[in-house]
Amino acid sequence: MNDLFYGEDHIVVRLDEVCVNVSCGLHPWERHPERPTRLMISVRLYAPLTARCAADQPIIDYDLVRDRIRALENEGHIDLVESVADRIVDSCFHDERVVACRLSIRKPDIYNETRGAGIDLFRTRARWSAAE
């Protein structure tokens, strides 16, 4: 795990394989808005535990991230899954307690011989804030 977390307790809030249909990709067959690409998006939000147990703290609302992912379906064509990730990361840091996030974006239908192609991204709040 990243040095950022060494010696600290964290809660990890997760969304697994949110499925959306997005016009996304560089290949000619991915550029047809009437045939969007299926994306499977998983997200992890890392927040330090400041109380004895997670139940003693206010919840981290993952509905904001889920809603952001679902909104991608109405945003027109996006060339790169990296750009999709950037749009989602902003919603991950809406809650000030979240110190890092991890995203996995897969295109499960892009190639017949594989379960999917895509990216994994790990972003810290410090790096995200510096990039703005």
C-alpha atoms as a PDB file:
ATOM      1  CA  MET A   1       0.000   0.000   0.000  1.00  0.00           C
ATOM      2  CA  ASN A   2       1.041   3.606  -0.471  1.00  0.00           C
ATOM      3  CA  ASP A   3       3.266   5.261   2.191  1.00  0.00           C
ATOM      4  CA  LEU A   4       0.459   7.781   2.692  1.00  0.00           C
ATOM      5  CA  PHE A   5      -1.405   5.134   4.695  1.00  0.00           C
ATOM      6  CA  TYR A   6       1.416   3.583   6.671  1.00  0.00           C
ATOM      7  CA  GLY A   7       0.497   3.356  10.351  1.00  0.00           C
ATOM      8  CA  GLU A   8      -2.965   4.883   9.957  1.00  0.00           C
ATOM      9  CA  ASP A   9      -6.391   3.281  10.085  1.00  0.00           C
ATOM     10  CA  HIS A  10      -8.644   4.043   7.132  1.00  0.00           C
ATOM     11  CA  ILE A  11     -12.100   3.210   5.991  1.00  0.00           C
ATOM     12  CA  VAL A  12     -12.400   2.341   2.320  1.00  0.00           C
ATOM     13  CA  VAL A  13     -15.756   3.168   0.780  1.00  0.00           C
ATOM     14  CA  ARG A  14     -16.302   1.275  -2.443  1.00  0.00           C
ATOM     15  CA  LEU A  15     -18.457   1.089  -5.526  1.00  0.00           C
ATOM     16  CA  ASP A  16     -17.905  -2.043  -7.592  1.00  0.00           C
ATOM     17  CA  GLU A  17     -18.407  -2.277 -11.330  1.00  0.00           C
ATOM     18  CA  VAL A  18     -20.895   0.489 -11.963  1.00  0.00           C
ATOM     19  CA  CYS A  19     -21.964  -0.202 -15.546  1.00  0.00           C
ATOM     20  CA  VAL A  20     -22.565   2.760 -17.872  1.00  0.00           C
ATOM     21  CA  ASN A  21     -22.818   3.145 -21.642  1.00  0.00           C
ATOM     22  CA  VAL A  22     -20.617   6.026 -22.775  1.00  0.00           C
ATOM     23  CA  SER A  23     -19.441   7.226 -26.169  1.00  0.00           C
ATOM     24  CA  CYS A  24     -15.759   6.668 -25.409  1.00  0.00           C
ATOM     25  CA  GLY A  25     -12.715   5.670 -27.404  1.00  0.00           C
ATOM     26  CA  LEU A  26     -10.351   6.457 -30.240  1.00  0.00           C
ATOM     27  CA  HIS A  27     -11.279   3.609 -32.592  1.00  0.00           C
ATOM     28  CA  PRO A  28     -13.721   4.494 -35.393  1.00  0.00           C
ATOM     29  CA  TRP A  29     -16.273   1.943 -34.122  1.00  0.00           C
ATOM     30  CA  GLU A  30     -16.220   3.652 -30.692  1.00  0.00           C
ATOM     31  CA  ARG A  31     -17.232   7.033 -32.102  1.00  0.00           C
ATOM     32  CA  HIS A  32     -20.853   6.239 -32.957  1.00  0.00           C
ATOM     33  CA  PRO A  33     -23.160   7.868 -30.389  1.00  0.00           C
ATOM     34  CA  GLU A  34     -25.896   5.376 -31.221  1.00  0.00           C
ATOM     35  CA  ARG A  35     -23.558   2.516 -30.172  1.00  0.00           C
ATOM     36  CA  PRO A  36     -21.941   3.609 -26.897  1.00  0.00           C
ATOM     37  CA  THR A  37     -19.153   1.645 -25.243  1.00  0.00           C
ATOM     38  CA  ARG A  38     -19.980  -0.267 -22.075  1.00  0.00           C
ATOM     39  CA  LEU A  39     -17.723   0.806 -19.200  1.00  0.00           C
ATOM     40  CA  MET A  40     -17.340  -0.986 -15.876  1.00  0.00           C
ATOM     41  CA  ILE A  41     -16.154   1.509 -13.271  1.00  0.00           C
ATOM     42  CA  SER A  42     -15.024   0.667  -9.741  1.00  0.00           C
ATOM     43  CA  VAL A  43     -14.080   3.297  -7.174  1.00  0.00           C
ATOM     44  CA  ARG A  44     -12.425   3.225  -3.747  1.00  0.00           C
ATOM     45  CA  LEU A  45     -12.477   6.259  -1.427  1.00  0.00           C
ATOM     46  CA  TYR A  46      -9.895   6.276   1.393  1.00  0.00           C
ATOM     47  CA  ALA A  47     -10.628   8.258   4.562  1.00  0.00           C
ATOM     48  CA  PRO A  48      -8.775   8.164   7.899  1.00  0.00           C
ATOM     49  CA  LEU A  49     -10.669   6.687  10.813  1.00  0.00           C
ATOM     50  CA  THR A  50     -10.715   9.243  13.596  1.00  0.00           C
ATOM     51  CA  ALA A  51     -12.994   7.347  15.956  1.00  0.00           C
ATOM     52  CA  ARG A  52     -12.679   3.906  17.489  1.00  0.00           C
ATOM     53  CA  CYS A  53     -14.825   2.345  14.765  1.00  0.00           C
ATOM     54  CA  ALA A  54     -16.295   3.446  11.459  1.00  0.00           C
ATOM     55  CA  ALA A  55     -19.848   3.340  12.828  1.00  0.00           C
ATOM     56  CA  ASP A  56     -19.000   6.233  15.177  1.00  0.00           C
ATOM     57  CA  GLN A  57     -18.347   8.596  12.255  1.00  0.00           C
ATOM     58  CA  PRO A  58     -20.662  10.248   9.735  1.00  0.00           C
ATOM     59  CA  ILE A  59     -20.992   8.260   6.533  1.00  0.00           C
ATOM     60  CA  ILE A  60     -19.103   9.057   3.351  1.00  0.00           C
ATOM     61  CA  ASP A  61     -21.814   9.429   0.732  1.00  0.00           C
ATOM     62  CA  TYR A  62     -20.899   7.402  -2.337  1.00  0.00           C
ATOM     63  CA  ASP A  63     -24.137   8.454  -4.060  1.00  0.00           C
ATOM     64  CA  LEU A  64     -22.322  11.577  -5.283  1.00  0.00           C
ATOM     65  CA  VAL A  65     -19.720   9.453  -7.061  1.00  0.00           C
ATOM     66  CA  ARG A  66     -22.327   7.063  -8.434  1.00  0.00           C
ATOM     67  CA  ASP A  67     -24.408   9.954  -9.761  1.00  0.00           C
ATOM     68  CA  ARG A  68     -21.307  11.443 -11.414  1.00  0.00           C
ATOM     69  CA  ILE A  69     -20.516   8.137 -13.102  1.00  0.00           C
ATOM     70  CA  ARG A  70     -24.076   7.781 -14.386  1.00  0.00           C
ATOM     71  CA  ALA A  71     -24.038  11.364 -15.732  1.00  0.00           C
ATOM     72  CA  LEU A  72     -21.229  10.370 -18.126  1.00  0.00           C
ATOM     73  CA  GLU A  73     -23.851   8.771 -20.362  1.00  0.00           C
ATOM     74  CA  ASN A  74     -25.170  12.241 -21.290  1.00  0.00           C
ATOM     75  CA  GLU A  75     -21.904  14.117 -21.843  1.00  0.00           C
ATOM     76  CA  GLY A  76     -21.149  13.354 -25.477  1.00  0.00           C
ATOM     77  CA  HIS A  77     -18.064  11.642 -26.838  1.00  0.00           C
ATOM     78  CA  ILE A  78     -14.958  11.289 -24.645  1.00  0.00           C
ATOM     79  CA  ASP A  79     -11.795  10.115 -26.429  1.00  0.00           C
ATOM     80  CA  LEU A  80      -9.867   8.619 -23.499  1.00  0.00           C
ATOM     81  CA  VAL A  81     -10.761   6.580 -20.429  1.00  0.00           C
ATOM     82  CA  GLU A  82      -8.154   8.729 -18.634  1.00  0.00           C
ATOM     83  CA  SER A  83     -10.438  11.715 -19.263  1.00  0.00           C
ATOM     84  CA  VAL A  84     -13.369   9.724 -17.884  1.00  0.00           C
ATOM     85  CA  ALA A  85     -11.301   9.057 -14.747  1.00  0.00           C
ATOM     86  CA  ASP A  86     -10.472  12.755 -14.327  1.00  0.00           C
ATOM     87  CA  ARG A  87     -14.164  13.648 -14.388  1.00  0.00           C
ATOM     88  CA  ILE A  88     -14.936  11.086 -11.698  1.00  0.00           C
ATOM     89  CA  VAL A  89     -12.000  12.031  -9.434  1.00  0.00           C
ATOM     90  CA  ASP A  90     -13.456  15.493  -8.847  1.00  0.00           C
ATOM     91  CA  SER A  91     -16.547  13.925  -7.272  1.00  0.00           C
ATOM     92  CA  CYS A  92     -14.417  11.571  -5.145  1.00  0.00           C
ATOM     93  CA  PHE A  93     -12.876  14.507  -3.293  1.00  0.00           C
ATOM     94  CA  HIS A  94     -16.181  16.274  -2.629  1.00  0.00           C
ATOM     95  CA  ASP A  95     -16.026  14.955   0.942  1.00  0.00           C
ATOM     96  CA  GLU A  96     -13.094  16.667   2.703  1.00  0.00           C
ATOM     97  CA  ARG A  97     -12.302  13.500   4.675  1.00  0.00           C
ATOM     98  CA  VAL A  98     -11.356  11.547   1.538  1.00  0.00           C
ATOM     99  CA  VAL A  99      -7.558  11.634   1.251  1.00  0.00           C
ATOM    100  CA  ALA A 100      -7.189   9.375  -1.778  1.00  0.00           C
ATOM    101  CA  CYS A 101      -9.171   7.475  -4.357  1.00  0.00           C
ATOM    102  CA  ARG A 102      -8.575   4.534  -6.652  1.00  0.00           C
ATOM    103  CA  LEU A 103     -10.475   4.051  -9.905  1.00  0.00           C
ATOM    104  CA  SER A 104     -10.633   1.133 -12.266  1.00  0.00           C
ATOM    105  CA  ILE A 105     -12.226   1.638 -15.670  1.00  0.00           C
ATOM    106  CA  ARG A 106     -12.687  -1.315 -18.003  1.00  0.00           C
ATOM    107  CA  LYS A 107     -14.143  -1.736 -21.462  1.00  0.00           C
ATOM    108  CA  PRO A 108     -15.317  -5.359 -21.217  1.00  0.00           C
ATOM    109  CA  ASP A 109     -16.483  -5.626 -24.834  1.00  0.00           C
ATOM    110  CA  ILE A 110     -13.567  -4.039 -26.697  1.00  0.00           C
ATOM    111  CA  TYR A 111     -11.649  -7.230 -27.597  1.00  0.00           C
ATOM    112  CA  ASN A 112     -12.979 -10.764 -27.936  1.00  0.00           C
ATOM    113  CA  GLU A 113      -9.894 -12.444 -26.475  1.00  0.00           C
ATOM    114  CA  THR A 114      -9.805 -10.530 -23.175  1.00  0.00           C
ATOM    115  CA  ARG A 115     -12.144  -9.818 -20.268  1.00  0.00           C
ATOM    116  CA  GLY A 116     -11.509  -6.124 -20.753  1.00  0.00           C
ATOM    117  CA  ALA A 117      -9.121  -3.281 -21.470  1.00  0.00           C
ATOM    118  CA  GLY A 118      -8.760  -0.144 -19.399  1.00  0.00           C
ATOM    119  CA  ILE A 119      -6.885   1.678 -16.684  1.00  0.00           C
ATOM    120  CA  ASP A 120      -6.372   1.813 -12.939  1.00  0.00           C
ATOM    121  CA  LEU A 121      -5.715   5.195 -11.356  1.00  0.00           C
ATOM    122  CA  PHE A 122      -4.672   6.097  -7.814  1.00  0.00           C
ATOM    123  CA  ARG A 123      -4.946   9.780  -6.912  1.00  0.00           C
ATOM    124  CA  THR A 124      -4.236  11.577  -3.633  1.00  0.00           C
ATOM    125  CA  ARG A 125      -6.009  14.731  -2.554  1.00  0.00           C
ATOM    126  CA  ALA A 126      -2.647  16.536  -2.337  1.00  0.00           C
ATOM    127  CA  ARG A 127      -1.810  15.809  -5.982  1.00  0.00           C
ATOM    128  CA  TRP A 128      -5.363  16.531  -7.124  1.00  0.00           C
ATOM    129  CA  SER A 129      -5.382  19.880  -5.304  1.00  0.00           C
ATOM    130  CA  ALA A 130      -1.985  20.822  -6.742  1.00  0.00           C
ATOM    131  CA  ALA A 131      -3.177  20.072 -10.279  1.00  0.00           C
ATOM    132  CA  GLU A 132      -6.120  22.494 -10.044  1.00  0.00           C
END
